[in-house]
Amino acid sequence: MKYSRLTKEQFEELHQEFINFLATQSITANEWNEIKTNKPEVAEEELDVFSDLVWEGVLSKAKYIEHLSPQQMHLFSLEERQIRLIALKVKTSQDITTPEGYQWLRDNLLSDDIELFQANKDYSDNKNADKFTLIQQGGVITKGNLFSYFDNIIG
């Protein structure tokens, strides 16, 4: 398994896609029930293969990942050849994950209470694995609104 198995909830959301996946392997509903009962290890392998396929699709389409914590913001733009990072660090106890804290951040962006960093990093040999690592570390795939906002400011 390259990534991680989807959760029960994710499998439920992708129920029809999983049925289609099994159908591409000529596995009927009755055969799937038999596999789950009599060959649980084969069923586990099928779940893992399907999970990897879903992750590959999601990661290939991902363009932005954000990782927010009370005093830090890491905004990643997943470009063709590299990952661009905009990072902000708050030197006060202000919690920027709250609406009030985020407004404070916007109002004080150029103050000495905020450190701003930019960096670029080339992908390793496996671009999607690099993206998945960011997600495992707490990142969330987004549409990139925050990245664009701060990129325009520091532009």
N, C-alpha and C. Protein backbone atom coordinates (compact mmCIF):
# COMPACT_ATOMS: atom_id res chain seq x y z
N MET A 1 0.84 -1.18 0.00
CA MET A 1 0.00 0.00 0.00
C MET A 1 0.89 1.24 0.00
N LYS A 2 0.62 2.12 -0.94
CA LYS A 2 1.44 3.33 -1.07
C LYS A 2 1.04 4.43 -0.09
N TYR A 3 -0.25 4.54 0.20
CA TYR A 3 -0.73 5.65 1.02
C TYR A 3 -1.36 5.10 2.29
N SER A 4 -2.63 5.35 2.51
CA SER A 4 -3.31 4.77 3.65
C SER A 4 -4.70 4.35 3.23
N ARG A 5 -5.22 3.39 3.96
CA ARG A 5 -6.55 2.90 3.62
C ARG A 5 -7.59 3.97 3.92
N LEU A 6 -8.56 4.07 3.04
CA LEU A 6 -9.65 5.00 3.26
C LEU A 6 -10.41 4.60 4.53
N THR A 7 -11.03 5.57 5.15
CA THR A 7 -11.82 5.30 6.35
C THR A 7 -13.15 4.65 5.95
N LYS A 8 -13.83 4.10 6.92
CA LYS A 8 -15.14 3.50 6.68
C LYS A 8 -16.08 4.53 6.05
N GLU A 9 -16.04 5.76 6.56
CA GLU A 9 -16.89 6.82 6.03
C GLU A 9 -16.54 7.14 4.58
N GLN A 10 -15.24 7.16 4.28
CA GLN A 10 -14.82 7.44 2.91
C GLN A 10 -15.27 6.32 1.96
N PHE A 11 -15.15 5.07 2.43
CA PHE A 11 -15.63 3.95 1.61
C PHE A 11 -17.14 4.06 1.38
N GLU A 12 -17.88 4.47 2.40
CA GLU A 12 -19.33 4.63 2.24
C GLU A 12 -19.64 5.71 1.21
N GLU A 13 -18.89 6.82 1.25
CA GLU A 13 -19.09 7.90 0.28
C GLU A 13 -18.76 7.43 -1.14
N LEU A 14 -17.79 6.53 -1.25
CA LEU A 14 -17.32 6.06 -2.56
C LEU A 14 -17.88 4.68 -2.90
N HIS A 15 -19.02 4.35 -2.31
CA HIS A 15 -19.61 3.01 -2.47
C HIS A 15 -19.77 2.64 -3.95
N GLN A 16 -20.35 3.54 -4.74
CA GLN A 16 -20.58 3.23 -6.16
C GLN A 16 -19.26 3.08 -6.91
N GLU A 17 -18.29 3.94 -6.59
CA GLU A 17 -16.98 3.83 -7.25
C GLU A 17 -16.31 2.50 -6.91
N PHE A 18 -16.50 2.03 -5.66
CA PHE A 18 -15.92 0.74 -5.27
C PHE A 18 -16.60 -0.39 -6.02
N ILE A 19 -17.91 -0.30 -6.19
CA ILE A 19 -18.63 -1.32 -6.97
C ILE A 19 -18.08 -1.35 -8.40
N ASN A 20 -17.88 -0.16 -8.97
CA ASN A 20 -17.33 -0.09 -10.34
C ASN A 20 -15.92 -0.68 -10.39
N PHE A 21 -15.12 -0.40 -9.34
CA PHE A 21 -13.76 -0.94 -9.25
C PHE A 21 -13.81 -2.47 -9.26
N LEU A 22 -14.69 -3.03 -8.44
CA LEU A 22 -14.82 -4.49 -8.40
C LEU A 22 -15.29 -5.03 -9.75
N ALA A 23 -16.20 -4.30 -10.38
CA ALA A 23 -16.72 -4.74 -11.68
C ALA A 23 -15.61 -4.79 -12.74
N THR A 24 -14.66 -3.85 -12.66
CA THR A 24 -13.56 -3.87 -13.63
C THR A 24 -12.70 -5.12 -13.47
N GLN A 25 -12.83 -5.74 -12.31
CA GLN A 25 -12.09 -6.98 -12.06
C GLN A 25 -13.00 -8.20 -12.16
N SER A 26 -14.19 -7.97 -12.72
CA SER A 26 -15.19 -9.03 -12.90
C SER A 26 -15.59 -9.69 -11.59
N ILE A 27 -15.68 -8.89 -10.52
CA ILE A 27 -16.11 -9.40 -9.22
C ILE A 27 -17.54 -8.90 -8.97
N THR A 28 -18.46 -9.86 -8.86
CA THR A 28 -19.86 -9.50 -8.61
C THR A 28 -20.08 -9.27 -7.11
N ALA A 29 -21.27 -8.77 -6.77
CA ALA A 29 -21.60 -8.54 -5.36
C ALA A 29 -21.55 -9.85 -4.58
N ASN A 30 -22.07 -10.93 -5.15
CA ASN A 30 -22.05 -12.22 -4.47
C ASN A 30 -20.61 -12.71 -4.27
N GLU A 31 -19.80 -12.55 -5.32
CA GLU A 31 -18.39 -12.97 -5.21
C GLU A 31 -17.66 -12.14 -4.15
N TRP A 32 -17.96 -10.83 -4.09
CA TRP A 32 -17.32 -9.97 -3.10
C TRP A 32 -17.68 -10.42 -1.68
N ASN A 33 -18.95 -10.75 -1.47
CA ASN A 33 -19.37 -11.24 -0.15
C ASN A 33 -18.67 -12.55 0.20
N GLU A 34 -18.49 -13.40 -0.79
CA GLU A 34 -17.78 -14.67 -0.58
C GLU A 34 -16.30 -14.42 -0.25
N ILE A 35 -15.69 -13.48 -0.97
CA ILE A 35 -14.28 -13.14 -0.72
C ILE A 35 -14.12 -12.60 0.70
N LYS A 36 -15.01 -11.69 1.11
CA LYS A 36 -14.92 -11.11 2.46
C LYS A 36 -15.04 -12.20 3.52
N THR A 37 -15.90 -13.19 3.29
CA THR A 37 -16.12 -14.25 4.27
C THR A 37 -15.00 -15.28 4.26
N ASN A 38 -14.64 -15.75 3.08
CA ASN A 38 -13.72 -16.89 2.97
C ASN A 38 -12.26 -16.53 2.74
N LYS A 39 -12.01 -15.33 2.22
CA LYS A 39 -10.63 -14.91 1.93
C LYS A 39 -10.44 -13.46 2.39
N PRO A 40 -10.51 -13.22 3.70
CA PRO A 40 -10.43 -11.84 4.18
C PRO A 40 -9.14 -11.13 3.77
N GLU A 41 -8.05 -11.87 3.62
CA GLU A 41 -6.80 -11.24 3.22
C GLU A 41 -6.88 -10.70 1.79
N VAL A 42 -7.61 -11.38 0.92
CA VAL A 42 -7.82 -10.91 -0.45
C VAL A 42 -8.71 -9.66 -0.43
N ALA A 43 -9.73 -9.68 0.41
CA ALA A 43 -10.60 -8.52 0.55
C ALA A 43 -9.80 -7.31 1.03
N GLU A 44 -8.91 -7.53 1.99
CA GLU A 44 -8.06 -6.45 2.50
C GLU A 44 -7.18 -5.87 1.39
N GLU A 45 -6.64 -6.75 0.57
CA GLU A 45 -5.80 -6.30 -0.55
C GLU A 45 -6.60 -5.46 -1.53
N GLU A 46 -7.83 -5.88 -1.83
CA GLU A 46 -8.68 -5.12 -2.74
C GLU A 46 -8.99 -3.74 -2.17
N LEU A 47 -9.27 -3.66 -0.87
CA LEU A 47 -9.53 -2.38 -0.22
C LEU A 47 -8.30 -1.48 -0.31
N ASP A 48 -7.13 -2.07 -0.13
CA ASP A 48 -5.89 -1.29 -0.20
C ASP A 48 -5.62 -0.78 -1.62
N VAL A 49 -5.83 -1.64 -2.61
CA VAL A 49 -5.61 -1.23 -4.01
C VAL A 49 -6.57 -0.10 -4.37
N PHE A 50 -7.84 -0.25 -3.98
CA PHE A 50 -8.82 0.80 -4.26
C PHE A 50 -8.44 2.09 -3.55
N SER A 51 -8.01 2.00 -2.31
CA SER A 51 -7.60 3.19 -1.56
C SER A 51 -6.46 3.91 -2.27
N ASP A 52 -5.47 3.15 -2.71
CA ASP A 52 -4.34 3.76 -3.43
C ASP A 52 -4.80 4.45 -4.72
N LEU A 53 -5.72 3.82 -5.43
CA LEU A 53 -6.23 4.43 -6.66
C LEU A 53 -6.94 5.75 -6.37
N VAL A 54 -7.74 5.77 -5.31
CA VAL A 54 -8.44 7.00 -4.95
C VAL A 54 -7.43 8.07 -4.57
N TRP A 55 -6.46 7.71 -3.72
CA TRP A 55 -5.45 8.69 -3.30
C TRP A 55 -4.67 9.22 -4.50
N GLU A 56 -4.29 8.35 -5.43
CA GLU A 56 -3.55 8.79 -6.63
C GLU A 56 -4.35 9.85 -7.38
N GLY A 57 -5.65 9.60 -7.55
CA GLY A 57 -6.49 10.56 -8.25
C GLY A 57 -6.59 11.88 -7.52
N VAL A 58 -6.81 11.81 -6.23
CA VAL A 58 -6.95 13.03 -5.42
C VAL A 58 -5.64 13.81 -5.41
N LEU A 59 -4.54 13.14 -5.17
CA LEU A 59 -3.24 13.81 -5.07
C LEU A 59 -2.81 14.40 -6.42
N SER A 60 -3.13 13.72 -7.50
CA SER A 60 -2.77 14.23 -8.82
C SER A 60 -3.49 15.54 -9.13
N LYS A 61 -4.70 15.70 -8.59
CA LYS A 61 -5.49 16.90 -8.86
C LYS A 61 -5.24 18.02 -7.85
N ALA A 62 -4.65 17.69 -6.71
CA ALA A 62 -4.45 18.69 -5.65
C ALA A 62 -3.51 19.79 -6.11
N LYS A 63 -3.90 21.03 -5.86
CA LYS A 63 -3.08 22.18 -6.25
C LYS A 63 -2.58 22.97 -5.04
N TYR A 64 -3.31 22.87 -3.92
CA TYR A 64 -2.94 23.62 -2.72
C TYR A 64 -3.19 22.77 -1.48
N ILE A 65 -2.31 22.94 -0.51
CA ILE A 65 -2.49 22.31 0.81
C ILE A 65 -2.19 23.37 1.85
N GLU A 66 -3.04 23.40 2.88
CA GLU A 66 -2.85 24.34 3.98
C GLU A 66 -2.72 23.56 5.28
N HIS A 67 -1.82 24.05 6.13
CA HIS A 67 -1.69 23.48 7.47
C HIS A 67 -1.70 24.65 8.44
N LEU A 68 -2.79 24.74 9.21
CA LEU A 68 -2.96 25.85 10.14
C LEU A 68 -2.89 25.35 11.57
N SER A 69 -2.24 26.13 12.41
CA SER A 69 -2.23 25.87 13.85
C SER A 69 -2.38 27.23 14.53
N PRO A 70 -2.58 27.27 15.84
CA PRO A 70 -2.86 28.55 16.50
C PRO A 70 -1.84 29.65 16.21
N GLN A 71 -0.55 29.33 16.14
CA GLN A 71 0.45 30.37 15.92
C GLN A 71 1.21 30.26 14.60
N GLN A 72 0.81 29.31 13.74
CA GLN A 72 1.52 29.15 12.48
C GLN A 72 0.57 28.83 11.34
N MET A 73 0.99 29.24 10.15
CA MET A 73 0.23 28.96 8.94
C MET A 73 1.23 28.54 7.88
N HIS A 74 1.04 27.36 7.32
CA HIS A 74 1.87 26.87 6.23
C HIS A 74 0.97 26.67 5.02
N LEU A 75 1.25 27.42 3.96
CA LEU A 75 0.45 27.40 2.75
C LEU A 75 1.30 26.89 1.61
N PHE A 76 0.87 25.81 0.99
CA PHE A 76 1.65 25.16 -0.06
C PHE A 76 0.94 25.27 -1.40
N SER A 77 1.68 25.68 -2.41
CA SER A 77 1.21 25.65 -3.78
C SER A 77 1.94 24.49 -4.46
N LEU A 78 1.17 23.52 -4.94
CA LEU A 78 1.74 22.30 -5.50
C LEU A 78 1.89 22.49 -7.01
N GLU A 79 3.05 22.98 -7.40
CA GLU A 79 3.27 23.34 -8.80
C GLU A 79 3.83 22.15 -9.57
N GLU A 80 4.06 22.35 -10.84
CA GLU A 80 4.47 21.25 -11.70
C GLU A 80 5.78 20.60 -11.25
N ARG A 81 6.79 21.42 -10.95
CA ARG A 81 8.11 20.88 -10.63
C ARG A 81 8.54 21.05 -9.18
N GLN A 82 7.78 21.86 -8.44
CA GLN A 82 8.19 22.12 -7.06
C GLN A 82 6.99 22.49 -6.20
N ILE A 83 7.24 22.52 -4.92
CA ILE A 83 6.26 22.98 -3.94
C ILE A 83 6.70 24.36 -3.48
N ARG A 84 5.79 25.33 -3.57
CA ARG A 84 6.06 26.67 -3.05
C ARG A 84 5.41 26.78 -1.68
N LEU A 85 6.14 27.35 -0.74
CA LEU A 85 5.65 27.51 0.62
C LEU A 85 5.61 28.97 1.01
N ILE A 86 4.50 29.37 1.61
CA ILE A 86 4.41 30.64 2.32
C ILE A 86 4.09 30.26 3.75
N ALA A 87 4.94 30.67 4.68
CA ALA A 87 4.74 30.33 6.09
C ALA A 87 4.70 31.60 6.92
N LEU A 88 3.77 31.62 7.86
CA LEU A 88 3.66 32.74 8.79
C LEU A 88 3.77 32.18 10.20
N LYS A 89 4.49 32.89 11.03
CA LYS A 89 4.62 32.50 12.44
C LYS A 89 4.27 33.71 13.29
N VAL A 90 3.35 33.49 14.22
CA VAL A 90 2.91 34.56 15.12
C VAL A 90 3.73 34.46 16.40
N LYS A 91 4.33 35.58 16.81
CA LYS A 91 5.19 35.60 17.99
C LYS A 91 4.41 35.93 19.27
N THR A 92 3.10 36.09 19.16
CA THR A 92 2.26 36.37 20.33
C THR A 92 1.40 35.14 20.62
N SER A 93 0.54 35.26 21.61
CA SER A 93 -0.35 34.15 21.94
C SER A 93 -1.65 34.20 21.13
N GLN A 94 -1.71 35.06 20.15
CA GLN A 94 -2.89 35.20 19.30
C GLN A 94 -3.15 33.90 18.55
N ASP A 95 -4.40 33.41 18.57
CA ASP A 95 -4.78 32.17 17.88
C ASP A 95 -5.36 32.53 16.52
N ILE A 96 -4.58 32.33 15.47
CA ILE A 96 -5.00 32.75 14.13
C ILE A 96 -6.00 31.79 13.49
N THR A 97 -6.37 30.71 14.19
CA THR A 97 -7.38 29.79 13.65
C THR A 97 -8.79 30.24 14.01
N THR A 98 -8.92 31.28 14.82
CA THR A 98 -10.23 31.84 15.15
C THR A 98 -10.51 33.03 14.23
N PRO A 99 -11.77 33.39 14.04
CA PRO A 99 -12.07 34.57 13.20
C PRO A 99 -11.41 35.84 13.73
N GLU A 100 -11.41 36.00 15.04
CA GLU A 100 -10.80 37.20 15.64
C GLU A 100 -9.28 37.18 15.43
N GLY A 101 -8.69 36.02 15.64
CA GLY A 101 -7.25 35.88 15.48
C GLY A 101 -6.81 36.09 14.03
N TYR A 102 -7.62 35.59 13.11
CA TYR A 102 -7.29 35.79 11.69
C TYR A 102 -7.39 37.26 11.32
N GLN A 103 -8.40 37.94 11.85
CA GLN A 103 -8.52 39.38 11.59
C GLN A 103 -7.32 40.13 12.17
N TRP A 104 -6.90 39.72 13.37
CA TRP A 104 -5.71 40.32 13.99
C TRP A 104 -4.50 40.11 13.07
N LEU A 105 -4.36 38.91 12.53
CA LEU A 105 -3.25 38.60 11.62
C LEU A 105 -3.28 39.54 10.41
N ARG A 106 -4.43 39.70 9.80
CA ARG A 106 -4.54 40.58 8.64
C ARG A 106 -4.20 42.03 9.00
N ASP A 107 -4.65 42.46 10.18
CA ASP A 107 -4.40 43.84 10.61
C ASP A 107 -2.93 44.08 10.98
N ASN A 108 -2.24 43.03 11.39
CA ASN A 108 -0.87 43.18 11.90
C ASN A 108 0.17 42.45 11.05
N LEU A 109 -0.19 42.15 9.83
CA LEU A 109 0.67 41.33 8.96
C LEU A 109 2.09 41.86 8.82
N LEU A 110 2.23 43.16 8.79
CA LEU A 110 3.57 43.73 8.59
C LEU A 110 4.25 44.13 9.89
N SER A 111 3.67 43.73 11.02
CA SER A 111 4.27 44.09 12.30
C SER A 111 5.40 43.11 12.66
N ASP A 112 6.15 43.47 13.69
CA ASP A 112 7.24 42.60 14.16
C ASP A 112 6.72 41.36 14.88
N ASP A 113 5.42 41.30 15.13
CA ASP A 113 4.83 40.13 15.81
C ASP A 113 4.63 38.96 14.87
N ILE A 114 4.91 39.17 13.59
CA ILE A 114 4.70 38.11 12.60
C ILE A 114 5.95 37.92 11.76
N GLU A 115 6.39 36.67 11.69
CA GLU A 115 7.52 36.31 10.82
C GLU A 115 6.92 35.68 9.56
N LEU A 116 7.44 36.08 8.44
CA LEU A 116 6.94 35.59 7.16
C LEU A 116 8.09 34.93 6.41
N PHE A 117 7.85 33.73 5.90
CA PHE A 117 8.89 32.99 5.18
C PHE A 117 8.33 32.54 3.83
N GLN A 118 9.23 32.41 2.88
CA GLN A 118 8.89 31.80 1.59
C GLN A 118 9.99 30.81 1.26
N ALA A 119 9.60 29.72 0.63
CA ALA A 119 10.59 28.73 0.22
C ALA A 119 10.03 27.92 -0.94
N ASN A 120 10.93 27.33 -1.69
CA ASN A 120 10.59 26.41 -2.76
C ASN A 120 11.33 25.11 -2.53
N LYS A 121 10.67 24.01 -2.86
CA LYS A 121 11.32 22.71 -2.71
C LYS A 121 10.96 21.85 -3.91
N ASP A 122 11.98 21.27 -4.53
CA ASP A 122 11.72 20.36 -5.64
C ASP A 122 11.10 19.08 -5.09
N TYR A 123 10.27 18.48 -5.92
CA TYR A 123 9.69 17.19 -5.54
C TYR A 123 10.77 16.12 -5.53
N SER A 124 10.51 15.07 -4.77
CA SER A 124 11.36 13.89 -4.83
C SER A 124 10.96 13.12 -6.10
N ASP A 125 11.36 11.87 -6.21
CA ASP A 125 11.00 11.07 -7.36
C ASP A 125 9.51 10.75 -7.41
N ASN A 126 8.82 10.91 -6.26
CA ASN A 126 7.40 10.59 -6.20
C ASN A 126 6.61 11.82 -5.73
N LYS A 127 6.15 12.60 -6.67
CA LYS A 127 5.44 13.85 -6.39
C LYS A 127 4.23 13.62 -5.49
N ASN A 128 3.43 12.59 -5.78
CA ASN A 128 2.23 12.36 -4.98
C ASN A 128 2.57 11.92 -3.56
N ALA A 129 3.65 11.20 -3.39
CA ALA A 129 4.07 10.82 -2.04
C ALA A 129 4.46 12.06 -1.23
N ASP A 130 5.10 13.03 -1.88
CA ASP A 130 5.45 14.28 -1.21
C ASP A 130 4.19 15.01 -0.76
N LYS A 131 3.19 15.05 -1.63
CA LYS A 131 1.93 15.69 -1.28
C LYS A 131 1.25 14.95 -0.12
N PHE A 132 1.25 13.62 -0.19
CA PHE A 132 0.61 12.82 0.84
C PHE A 132 1.28 13.05 2.20
N THR A 133 2.59 13.20 2.21
CA THR A 133 3.31 13.48 3.46
C THR A 133 2.80 14.77 4.09
N LEU A 134 2.57 15.79 3.29
CA LEU A 134 2.04 17.05 3.82
C LEU A 134 0.66 16.83 4.46
N ILE A 135 -0.14 15.98 3.86
CA ILE A 135 -1.47 15.68 4.41
C ILE A 135 -1.33 14.89 5.71
N GLN A 136 -0.44 13.92 5.73
CA GLN A 136 -0.23 13.13 6.94
C GLN A 136 0.23 14.01 8.11
N GLN A 137 0.92 15.09 7.79
CA GLN A 137 1.42 16.00 8.83
C GLN A 137 0.36 17.01 9.27
N GLY A 138 -0.85 16.87 8.76
CA GLY A 138 -1.94 17.74 9.19
C GLY A 138 -2.46 18.68 8.13
N GLY A 139 -1.91 18.63 6.93
CA GLY A 139 -2.35 19.51 5.86
C GLY A 139 -3.71 19.09 5.30
N VAL A 140 -4.39 20.06 4.72
CA VAL A 140 -5.70 19.85 4.12
C VAL A 140 -5.67 20.41 2.70
N ILE A 141 -6.20 19.66 1.76
CA ILE A 141 -6.28 20.13 0.37
C ILE A 141 -7.32 21.25 0.31
N THR A 142 -6.94 22.35 -0.35
CA THR A 142 -7.85 23.49 -0.45
C THR A 142 -7.86 24.02 -1.89
N LYS A 143 -8.64 25.07 -2.09
CA LYS A 143 -8.70 25.74 -3.39
C LYS A 143 -7.62 26.80 -3.52
N GLY A 144 -6.88 27.08 -2.46
CA GLY A 144 -5.75 27.99 -2.54
C GLY A 144 -6.07 29.45 -2.27
N ASN A 145 -7.22 29.74 -1.70
CA ASN A 145 -7.58 31.13 -1.45
C ASN A 145 -6.59 31.82 -0.51
N LEU A 146 -6.21 31.16 0.57
CA LEU A 146 -5.25 31.77 1.50
C LEU A 146 -3.88 31.95 0.83
N PHE A 147 -3.43 30.94 0.11
CA PHE A 147 -2.14 31.05 -0.57
C PHE A 147 -2.16 32.25 -1.51
N SER A 148 -3.21 32.35 -2.32
CA SER A 148 -3.30 33.46 -3.28
C SER A 148 -3.33 34.82 -2.57
N TYR A 149 -4.08 34.88 -1.49
CA TYR A 149 -4.20 36.14 -0.72
C TYR A 149 -2.82 36.60 -0.25
N PHE A 150 -2.08 35.70 0.41
CA PHE A 150 -0.78 36.09 0.95
C PHE A 150 0.27 36.23 -0.15
N ASP A 151 0.16 35.44 -1.22
CA ASP A 151 1.08 35.56 -2.34
C ASP A 151 0.95 36.96 -2.98
N ASN A 152 -0.26 37.44 -3.09
CA ASN A 152 -0.48 38.78 -3.66
C ASN A 152 0.08 39.86 -2.75
N ILE A 153 -0.01 39.67 -1.45
CA ILE A 153 0.50 40.68 -0.51
C ILE A 153 2.03 40.76 -0.55
N ILE A 154 2.67 39.59 -0.56
CA ILE A 154 4.13 39.60 -0.51
C ILE A 154 4.76 39.64 -1.90
N GLY A 155 3.92 39.37 -2.92
CA GLY A 155 4.26 39.32 -4.32
C GLY A 155 5.44 40.03 -4.74
